[in-house]
Amino acid sequence: MPLFNDALAEIKAAEVMDKLFWYETYRDKNHLLINTSDNITKNLISINYGPWDRMDNKPTIHLPDRSQTFRSLFLSHGHNQKKV
């Protein structure tokens, strides 16, 4: 039974981390998904944790200014600057 309890604790921790990551990347996952009508787009948003491509760090889905504002704030704090 201890293995089962350990696995259950790890699953719960992963669920908490998933919610935290969503909060850090877009803040309101439900609002974003509710306001997206296309199921393919919803799937892409779910995979990428937001409306942008994580590999290229570019928006792939054009949404209201909210996501762009957050992305601009993120980039303005040096998260996209090359190290010299």
PDB file of N, CA and C in Angstrom:
ATOM      1  N   MET A   1       0.800  -1.213   0.000  1.00  0.00           N
ATOM      2  CA  MET A   1       0.000   0.000   0.000  1.00  0.00           C
ATOM      3  C   MET A   1       0.847   1.285   0.000  1.00  0.00           C
ATOM      4  N   PRO A   2       2.078   1.264   0.580  1.00  0.00           N
ATOM      5  CA  PRO A   2       2.883   2.490   0.560  1.00  0.00           C
ATOM      6  C   PRO A   2       3.202   2.962  -0.850  1.00  0.00           C
ATOM      7  N   LEU A   3       3.445   2.039  -1.781  1.00  0.00           N
ATOM      8  CA  LEU A   3       3.723   2.440  -3.163  1.00  0.00           C
ATOM      9  C   LEU A   3       2.536   3.162  -3.768  1.00  0.00           C
ATOM     10  N   PHE A   4       1.340   2.677  -3.499  1.00  0.00           N
ATOM     11  CA  PHE A   4       0.124   3.307  -4.009  1.00  0.00           C
ATOM     12  C   PHE A   4      -0.014   4.716  -3.446  1.00  0.00           C
ATOM     13  N   ASN A   5       0.229   4.866  -2.148  1.00  0.00           N
ATOM     14  CA  ASN A   5       0.127   6.188  -1.518  1.00  0.00           C
ATOM     15  C   ASN A   5       1.170   7.151  -2.067  1.00  0.00           C
ATOM     16  N   ASP A   6       2.379   6.659  -2.319  1.00  0.00           N
ATOM     17  CA  ASP A   6       3.418   7.496  -2.913  1.00  0.00           C
ATOM     18  C   ASP A   6       3.027   7.957  -4.315  1.00  0.00           C
ATOM     19  N   ALA A   7       2.496   7.028  -5.092  1.00  0.00           N
ATOM     20  CA  ALA A   7       2.076   7.365  -6.460  1.00  0.00           C
ATOM     21  C   ALA A   7       0.936   8.373  -6.427  1.00  0.00           C
ATOM     22  N   LEU A   8      -0.002   8.200  -5.516  1.00  0.00           N
ATOM     23  CA  LEU A   8      -1.123   9.124  -5.393  1.00  0.00           C
ATOM     24  C   LEU A   8      -0.625  10.520  -5.003  1.00  0.00           C
ATOM     25  N   ALA A   9       0.331  10.589  -4.100  1.00  0.00           N
ATOM     26  CA  ALA A   9       0.903  11.873  -3.697  1.00  0.00           C
ATOM     27  C   ALA A   9       1.610  12.547  -4.867  1.00  0.00           C
ATOM     28  N   GLU A  10       2.306  11.766  -5.679  1.00  0.00           N
ATOM     29  CA  GLU A  10       2.993  12.330  -6.844  1.00  0.00           C
ATOM     30  C   GLU A  10       2.003  12.848  -7.879  1.00  0.00           C
ATOM     31  N   ILE A  11       0.905  12.151  -8.064  1.00  0.00           N
ATOM     32  CA  ILE A  11      -0.131  12.607  -9.002  1.00  0.00           C
ATOM     33  C   ILE A  11      -0.726  13.923  -8.518  1.00  0.00           C
ATOM     34  N   LYS A  12      -1.026  14.007  -7.229  1.00  0.00           N
ATOM     35  CA  LYS A  12      -1.583  15.250  -6.673  1.00  0.00           C
ATOM     36  C   LYS A  12      -0.595  16.405  -6.821  1.00  0.00           C
ATOM     37  N   ALA A  13       0.685  16.127  -6.585  1.00  0.00           N
ATOM     38  CA  ALA A  13       1.715  17.166  -6.733  1.00  0.00           C
ATOM     39  C   ALA A  13       1.803  17.619  -8.192  1.00  0.00           C
ATOM     40  N   ALA A  14       1.711  16.687  -9.114  1.00  0.00           N
ATOM     41  CA  ALA A  14       1.762  17.038 -10.543  1.00  0.00           C
ATOM     42  C   ALA A  14       0.567  17.898 -10.930  1.00  0.00           C
ATOM     43  N   GLU A  15      -0.599  17.607 -10.374  1.00  0.00           N
ATOM     44  CA  GLU A  15      -1.787  18.420 -10.672  1.00  0.00           C
ATOM     45  C   GLU A  15      -1.609  19.850 -10.159  1.00  0.00           C
ATOM     46  N   VAL A  16      -1.022  19.989  -8.979  1.00  0.00           N
ATOM     47  CA  VAL A  16      -0.765  21.323  -8.424  1.00  0.00           C
ATOM     48  C   VAL A  16       0.249  22.064  -9.305  1.00  0.00           C
ATOM     49  N   MET A  17       1.302  21.389  -9.700  1.00  0.00           N
ATOM     50  CA  MET A  17       2.320  22.009 -10.554  1.00  0.00           C
ATOM     51  C   MET A  17       1.731  22.422 -11.907  1.00  0.00           C
ATOM     52  N   ASP A  18       0.850  21.612 -12.448  1.00  0.00           N
ATOM     53  CA  ASP A  18       0.204  21.944 -13.714  1.00  0.00           C
ATOM     54  C   ASP A  18      -0.602  23.238 -13.583  1.00  0.00           C
ATOM     55  N   LYS A  19      -1.356  23.351 -12.504  1.00  0.00           N
ATOM     56  CA  LYS A  19      -2.149  24.573 -12.271  1.00  0.00           C
ATOM     57  C   LYS A  19      -1.240  25.783 -12.087  1.00  0.00           C
ATOM     58  N   LEU A  20      -0.140  25.605 -11.359  1.00  0.00           N
ATOM     59  CA  LEU A  20       0.795  26.713 -11.164  1.00  0.00           C
ATOM     60  C   LEU A  20       1.450  27.148 -12.471  1.00  0.00           C
ATOM     61  N   PHE A  21       1.820  26.177 -13.301  1.00  0.00           N
ATOM     62  CA  PHE A  21       2.435  26.522 -14.576  1.00  0.00           C
ATOM     63  C   PHE A  21       1.457  27.293 -15.452  1.00  0.00           C
ATOM     64  N   TRP A  22       0.205  26.858 -15.502  1.00  0.00           N
ATOM     65  CA  TRP A  22      -0.812  27.593 -16.261  1.00  0.00           C
ATOM     66  C   TRP A  22      -0.927  29.016 -15.734  1.00  0.00           C
ATOM     67  N   TYR A  23      -0.957  29.162 -14.403  1.00  0.00           N
ATOM     68  CA  TYR A  23      -1.089  30.491 -13.818  1.00  0.00           C
ATOM     69  C   TYR A  23       0.086  31.386 -14.198  1.00  0.00           C
ATOM     70  N   GLU A  24       1.285  30.835 -14.193  1.00  0.00           N
ATOM     71  CA  GLU A  24       2.463  31.615 -14.562  1.00  0.00           C
ATOM     72  C   GLU A  24       2.480  31.994 -16.034  1.00  0.00           C
ATOM     73  N   THR A  25       1.968  31.126 -16.900  1.00  0.00           N
ATOM     74  CA  THR A  25       2.063  31.388 -18.329  1.00  0.00           C
ATOM     75  C   THR A  25       0.931  32.244 -18.876  1.00  0.00           C
ATOM     76  N   TYR A  26      -0.296  32.055 -18.342  1.00  0.00           N
ATOM     77  CA  TYR A  26      -1.402  32.822 -18.913  1.00  0.00           C
ATOM     78  C   TYR A  26      -2.355  33.409 -17.875  1.00  0.00           C
ATOM     79  N   ARG A  27      -2.263  32.968 -16.690  1.00  0.00           N
ATOM     80  CA  ARG A  27      -3.115  33.371 -15.575  1.00  0.00           C
ATOM     81  C   ARG A  27      -4.464  32.650 -15.569  1.00  0.00           C
ATOM     82  N   ASP A  28      -5.307  32.832 -16.579  1.00  0.00           N
ATOM     83  CA  ASP A  28      -6.676  32.306 -16.523  1.00  0.00           C
ATOM     84  C   ASP A  28      -6.937  31.323 -17.660  1.00  0.00           C
ATOM     85  N   LYS A  29      -6.580  30.085 -17.440  1.00  0.00           N
ATOM     86  CA  LYS A  29      -6.742  29.025 -18.435  1.00  0.00           C
ATOM     87  C   LYS A  29      -8.206  28.885 -18.878  1.00  0.00           C
ATOM     88  N   ASN A  30      -9.110  28.863 -17.920  1.00  0.00           N
ATOM     89  CA  ASN A  30     -10.530  28.651 -18.249  1.00  0.00           C
ATOM     90  C   ASN A  30     -11.077  29.766 -19.130  1.00  0.00           C
ATOM     91  N   HIS A  31     -10.733  30.997 -18.821  1.00  0.00           N
ATOM     92  CA  HIS A  31     -11.196  32.121 -19.641  1.00  0.00           C
ATOM     93  C   HIS A  31     -10.703  31.982 -21.078  1.00  0.00           C
ATOM     94  N   LEU A  32      -9.453  31.614 -21.217  1.00  0.00           N
ATOM     95  CA  LEU A  32      -8.865  31.447 -22.546  1.00  0.00           C
ATOM     96  C   LEU A  32      -9.567  30.335 -23.320  1.00  0.00           C
ATOM     97  N   LEU A  33      -9.763  29.195 -22.693  1.00  0.00           N
ATOM     98  CA  LEU A  33     -10.378  28.068 -23.392  1.00  0.00           C
ATOM     99  C   LEU A  33     -11.864  28.296 -23.674  1.00  0.00           C
ATOM    100  N   ILE A  34     -12.569  28.937 -22.762  1.00  0.00           N
ATOM    101  CA  ILE A  34     -13.996  29.219 -22.974  1.00  0.00           C
ATOM    102  C   ILE A  34     -14.183  30.166 -24.147  1.00  0.00           C
ATOM    103  N   ASN A  35     -13.273  31.124 -24.309  1.00  0.00           N
ATOM    104  CA  ASN A  35     -13.393  32.113 -25.379  1.00  0.00           C
ATOM    105  C   ASN A  35     -12.749  31.674 -26.689  1.00  0.00           C
ATOM    106  N   THR A  36     -12.377  30.427 -26.780  1.00  0.00           N
ATOM    107  CA  THR A  36     -11.834  29.860 -28.009  1.00  0.00           C
ATOM    108  C   THR A  36     -12.848  28.856 -28.537  1.00  0.00           C
ATOM    109  N   SER A  37     -13.396  29.110 -29.721  1.00  0.00           N
ATOM    110  CA  SER A  37     -14.472  28.263 -30.221  1.00  0.00           C
ATOM    111  C   SER A  37     -13.992  27.045 -31.006  1.00  0.00           C
ATOM    112  N   ASP A  38     -12.846  27.144 -31.594  1.00  0.00           N
ATOM    113  CA  ASP A  38     -12.322  26.065 -32.439  1.00  0.00           C
ATOM    114  C   ASP A  38     -11.648  24.983 -31.590  1.00  0.00           C
ATOM    115  N   ASN A  39     -12.063  23.730 -31.733  1.00  0.00           N
ATOM    116  CA  ASN A  39     -11.511  22.638 -30.928  1.00  0.00           C
ATOM    117  C   ASN A  39     -10.038  22.357 -31.225  1.00  0.00           C
ATOM    118  N   ILE A  40      -9.625  22.525 -32.459  1.00  0.00           N
ATOM    119  CA  ILE A  40      -8.209  22.322 -32.802  1.00  0.00           C
ATOM    120  C   ILE A  40      -7.359  23.381 -32.104  1.00  0.00           C
ATOM    121  N   THR A  41      -7.822  24.620 -32.117  1.00  0.00           N
ATOM    122  CA  THR A  41      -7.109  25.696 -31.443  1.00  0.00           C
ATOM    123  C   THR A  41      -7.061  25.449 -29.936  1.00  0.00           C
ATOM    124  N   LYS A  42      -8.164  24.990 -29.353  1.00  0.00           N
ATOM    125  CA  LYS A  42      -8.187  24.666 -27.926  1.00  0.00           C
ATOM    126  C   LYS A  42      -7.146  23.597 -27.603  1.00  0.00           C
ATOM    127  N   ASN A  43      -7.032  22.622 -28.467  1.00  0.00           N
ATOM    128  CA  ASN A  43      -6.066  21.559 -28.253  1.00  0.00           C
ATOM    129  C   ASN A  43      -4.636  22.116 -28.292  1.00  0.00           C
ATOM    130  N   LEU A  44      -4.355  22.980 -29.259  1.00  0.00           N
ATOM    131  CA  LEU A  44      -3.025  23.601 -29.343  1.00  0.00           C
ATOM    132  C   LEU A  44      -2.729  24.457 -28.113  1.00  0.00           C
ATOM    133  N   ILE A  45      -3.717  25.187 -27.646  1.00  0.00           N
ATOM    134  CA  ILE A  45      -3.552  26.009 -26.450  1.00  0.00           C
ATOM    135  C   ILE A  45      -3.242  25.123 -25.250  1.00  0.00           C
ATOM    136  N   SER A  46      -3.939  24.009 -25.136  1.00  0.00           N
ATOM    137  CA  SER A  46      -3.713  23.091 -24.015  1.00  0.00           C
ATOM    138  C   SER A  46      -2.313  22.487 -24.061  1.00  0.00           C
ATOM    139  N   ILE A  47      -1.873  22.107 -25.227  1.00  0.00           N
ATOM    140  CA  ILE A  47      -0.541  21.513 -25.370  1.00  0.00           C
ATOM    141  C   ILE A  47       0.547  22.526 -25.043  1.00  0.00           C
ATOM    142  N   ASN A  48       0.385  23.765 -25.508  1.00  0.00           N
ATOM    143  CA  ASN A  48       1.419  24.798 -25.349  1.00  0.00           C
ATOM    144  C   ASN A  48       1.257  25.641 -24.086  1.00  0.00           C
ATOM    145  N   TYR A  49       0.252  25.343 -23.270  1.00  0.00           N
ATOM    146  CA  TYR A  49      -0.022  26.127 -22.060  1.00  0.00           C
ATOM    147  C   TYR A  49      -0.164  27.610 -22.389  1.00  0.00           C
ATOM    148  N   GLY A  50      -0.924  27.902 -23.416  1.00  0.00           N
ATOM    149  CA  GLY A  50      -1.165  29.283 -23.793  1.00  0.00           C
ATOM    150  C   GLY A  50      -1.168  29.437 -25.300  1.00  0.00           C
ATOM    151  N   PRO A  51      -1.370  30.660 -25.768  1.00  0.00           N
ATOM    152  CA  PRO A  51      -1.527  30.905 -27.206  1.00  0.00           C
ATOM    153  C   PRO A  51      -0.230  31.141 -27.955  1.00  0.00           C
ATOM    154  N   TRP A  52       0.872  30.526 -27.554  1.00  0.00           N
ATOM    155  CA  TRP A  52       2.113  30.719 -28.275  1.00  0.00           C
ATOM    156  C   TRP A  52       2.873  29.420 -28.412  1.00  0.00           C
ATOM    157  N   ASP A  53       3.772  29.423 -29.338  1.00  0.00           N
ATOM    158  CA  ASP A  53       4.612  28.263 -29.606  1.00  0.00           C
ATOM    159  C   ASP A  53       5.830  28.337 -28.694  1.00  0.00           C
ATOM    160  N   ARG A  54       5.977  27.409 -27.807  1.00  0.00           N
ATOM    161  CA  ARG A  54       7.078  27.433 -26.833  1.00  0.00           C
ATOM    162  C   ARG A  54       8.444  27.233 -27.483  1.00  0.00           C
ATOM    163  N   MET A  55       8.496  26.551 -28.597  1.00  0.00           N
ATOM    164  CA  MET A  55       9.786  26.309 -29.251  1.00  0.00           C
ATOM    165  C   MET A  55      10.337  27.585 -29.892  1.00  0.00           C
ATOM    166  N   ASP A  56       9.466  28.373 -30.516  1.00  0.00           N
ATOM    167  CA  ASP A  56       9.900  29.599 -31.194  1.00  0.00           C
ATOM    168  C   ASP A  56       9.651  30.855 -30.367  1.00  0.00           C
ATOM    169  N   ASN A  57       8.936  30.706 -29.232  1.00  0.00           N
ATOM    170  CA  ASN A  57       8.601  31.839 -28.367  1.00  0.00           C
ATOM    171  C   ASN A  57       7.865  32.941 -29.132  1.00  0.00           C
ATOM    172  N   LYS A  58       6.954  32.514 -29.992  1.00  0.00           N
ATOM    173  CA  LYS A  58       6.155  33.447 -30.781  1.00  0.00           C
ATOM    174  C   LYS A  58       4.679  33.110 -30.600  1.00  0.00           C
ATOM    175  N   PRO A  59       3.823  34.136 -30.643  1.00  0.00           N
ATOM    176  CA  PRO A  59       2.400  33.835 -30.560  1.00  0.00           C
ATOM    177  C   PRO A  59       1.946  33.063 -31.801  1.00  0.00           C
ATOM    178  N   THR A  60       1.207  32.003 -31.592  1.00  0.00           N
ATOM    179  CA  THR A  60       0.685  31.235 -32.718  1.00  0.00           C
ATOM    180  C   THR A  60      -0.799  31.472 -32.899  1.00  0.00           C
ATOM    181  N   ILE A  61      -1.425  31.972 -31.860  1.00  0.00           N
ATOM    182  CA  ILE A  61      -2.860  32.218 -31.897  1.00  0.00           C
ATOM    183  C   ILE A  61      -3.075  33.663 -31.477  1.00  0.00           C
ATOM    184  N   HIS A  62      -3.734  34.426 -32.300  1.00  0.00           N
ATOM    185  CA  HIS A  62      -3.955  35.836 -31.976  1.00  0.00           C
ATOM    186  C   HIS A  62      -5.206  35.965 -31.136  1.00  0.00           C
ATOM    187  N   LEU A  63      -4.996  36.469 -29.924  1.00  0.00           N
ATOM    188  CA  LEU A  63      -6.058  36.621 -28.947  1.00  0.00           C
ATOM    189  C   LEU A  63      -6.151  38.078 -28.524  1.00  0.00           C
ATOM    190  N   PRO A  64      -7.073  38.374 -27.631  1.00  0.00           N
ATOM    191  CA  PRO A  64      -7.165  39.760 -27.142  1.00  0.00           C
ATOM    192  C   PRO A  64      -5.842  40.233 -26.542  1.00  0.00           C
ATOM    193  N   ASP A  65      -5.730  41.518 -26.335  1.00  0.00           N
ATOM    194  CA  ASP A  65      -4.494  42.148 -25.881  1.00  0.00           C
ATOM    195  C   ASP A  65      -3.941  41.563 -24.593  1.00  0.00           C
ATOM    196  N   ARG A  66      -4.771  40.900 -23.823  1.00  0.00           N
ATOM    197  CA  ARG A  66      -4.326  40.374 -22.529  1.00  0.00           C
ATOM    198  C   ARG A  66      -3.092  39.479 -22.672  1.00  0.00           C
ATOM    199  N   SER A  67      -3.124  38.529 -23.591  1.00  0.00           N
ATOM    200  CA  SER A  67      -1.980  37.625 -23.733  1.00  0.00           C
ATOM    201  C   SER A  67      -0.764  38.370 -24.279  1.00  0.00           C
ATOM    202  N   GLN A  68      -0.994  39.284 -25.196  1.00  0.00           N
ATOM    203  CA  GLN A  68       0.109  40.035 -25.761  1.00  0.00           C
ATOM    204  C   GLN A  68       0.728  40.950 -24.707  1.00  0.00           C
ATOM    205  N   THR A  69      -0.107  41.513 -23.838  1.00  0.00           N
ATOM    206  CA  THR A  69       0.399  42.377 -22.779  1.00  0.00           C
ATOM    207  C   THR A  69       1.281  41.587 -21.837  1.00  0.00           C
ATOM    208  N   PHE A  70       0.829  40.402 -21.451  1.00  0.00           N
ATOM    209  CA  PHE A  70       1.624  39.568 -20.555  1.00  0.00           C
ATOM    210  C   PHE A  70       2.930  39.170 -21.228  1.00  0.00           C
ATOM    211  N   ARG A  71       2.864  38.797 -22.496  1.00  0.00           N
ATOM    212  CA  ARG A  71       4.069  38.389 -23.222  1.00  0.00           C
ATOM    213  C   ARG A  71       5.045  39.560 -23.313  1.00  0.00           C
ATOM    214  N   SER A  72       4.529  40.761 -23.583  1.00  0.00           N
ATOM    215  CA  SER A  72       5.394  41.936 -23.654  1.00  0.00           C
ATOM    216  C   SER A  72       6.046  42.217 -22.305  1.00  0.00           C
ATOM    217  N   LEU A  73       5.286  42.067 -21.238  1.00  0.00           N
ATOM    218  CA  LEU A  73       5.821  42.262 -19.900  1.00  0.00           C
ATOM    219  C   LEU A  73       6.922  41.247 -19.619  1.00  0.00           C
ATOM    220  N   PHE A  74       6.686  40.018 -19.990  1.00  0.00           N
ATOM    221  CA  PHE A  74       7.654  38.945 -19.791  1.00  0.00           C
ATOM    222  C   PHE A  74       8.947  39.253 -20.552  1.00  0.00           C
ATOM    223  N   LEU A  75       8.816  39.639 -21.812  1.00  0.00           N
ATOM    224  CA  LEU A  75       9.998  39.912 -22.633  1.00  0.00           C
ATOM    225  C   LEU A  75      10.718  41.175 -22.177  1.00  0.00           C
ATOM    226  N   SER A  76       9.985  42.142 -21.664  1.00  0.00           N
ATOM    227  CA  SER A  76      10.604  43.393 -21.242  1.00  0.00           C
ATOM    228  C   SER A  76      11.466  43.212 -19.991  1.00  0.00           C
ATOM    229  N   HIS A  77      11.286  42.116 -19.297  1.00  0.00           N
ATOM    230  CA  HIS A  77      12.083  41.856 -18.098  1.00  0.00           C
ATOM    231  C   HIS A  77      13.307  40.998 -18.416  1.00  0.00           C
ATOM    232  N   GLY A  78      13.708  40.955 -19.675  1.00  0.00           N
ATOM    233  CA  GLY A  78      14.959  40.324 -20.053  1.00  0.00           C
ATOM    234  C   GLY A  78      14.899  38.837 -20.269  1.00  0.00           C
ATOM    235  N   HIS A  79      13.722  38.262 -20.380  1.00  0.00           N
ATOM    236  CA  HIS A  79      13.612  36.812 -20.552  1.00  0.00           C
ATOM    237  C   HIS A  79      13.895  36.357 -21.966  1.00  0.00           C
ATOM    238  N   ASN A  80      14.069  37.280 -22.883  1.00  0.00           N
ATOM    239  CA  ASN A  80      14.335  36.887 -24.265  1.00  0.00           C
ATOM    240  C   ASN A  80      15.640  37.497 -24.767  1.00  0.00           C
ATOM    241  N   GLN A  81      16.443  38.010 -23.865  1.00  0.00           N
ATOM    242  CA  GLN A  81      17.680  38.637 -24.274  1.00  0.00           C
ATOM    243  C   GLN A  81      18.790  37.606 -24.390  1.00  0.00           C
ATOM    244  N   LYS A  82      19.619  37.786 -25.398  1.00  0.00           N
ATOM    245  CA  LYS A  82      20.737  36.869 -25.593  1.00  0.00           C
ATOM    246  C   LYS A  82      21.842  37.207 -24.603  1.00  0.00           C
ATOM    247  N   LYS A  83      22.460  36.173 -24.097  1.00  0.00           N
ATOM    248  CA  LYS A  83      23.598  36.356 -23.186  1.00  0.00           C
ATOM    249  C   LYS A  83      24.850  36.635 -24.008  1.00  0.00           C
ATOM    250  N   VAL A  84      25.625  37.621 -23.600  1.00  0.00           N
ATOM    251  CA  VAL A  84      26.855  37.974 -24.299  1.00  0.00           C
ATOM    252  C   VAL A  84      28.049  37.527 -23.494  1.00  0.00           C
TER     253      VAL A  84
END
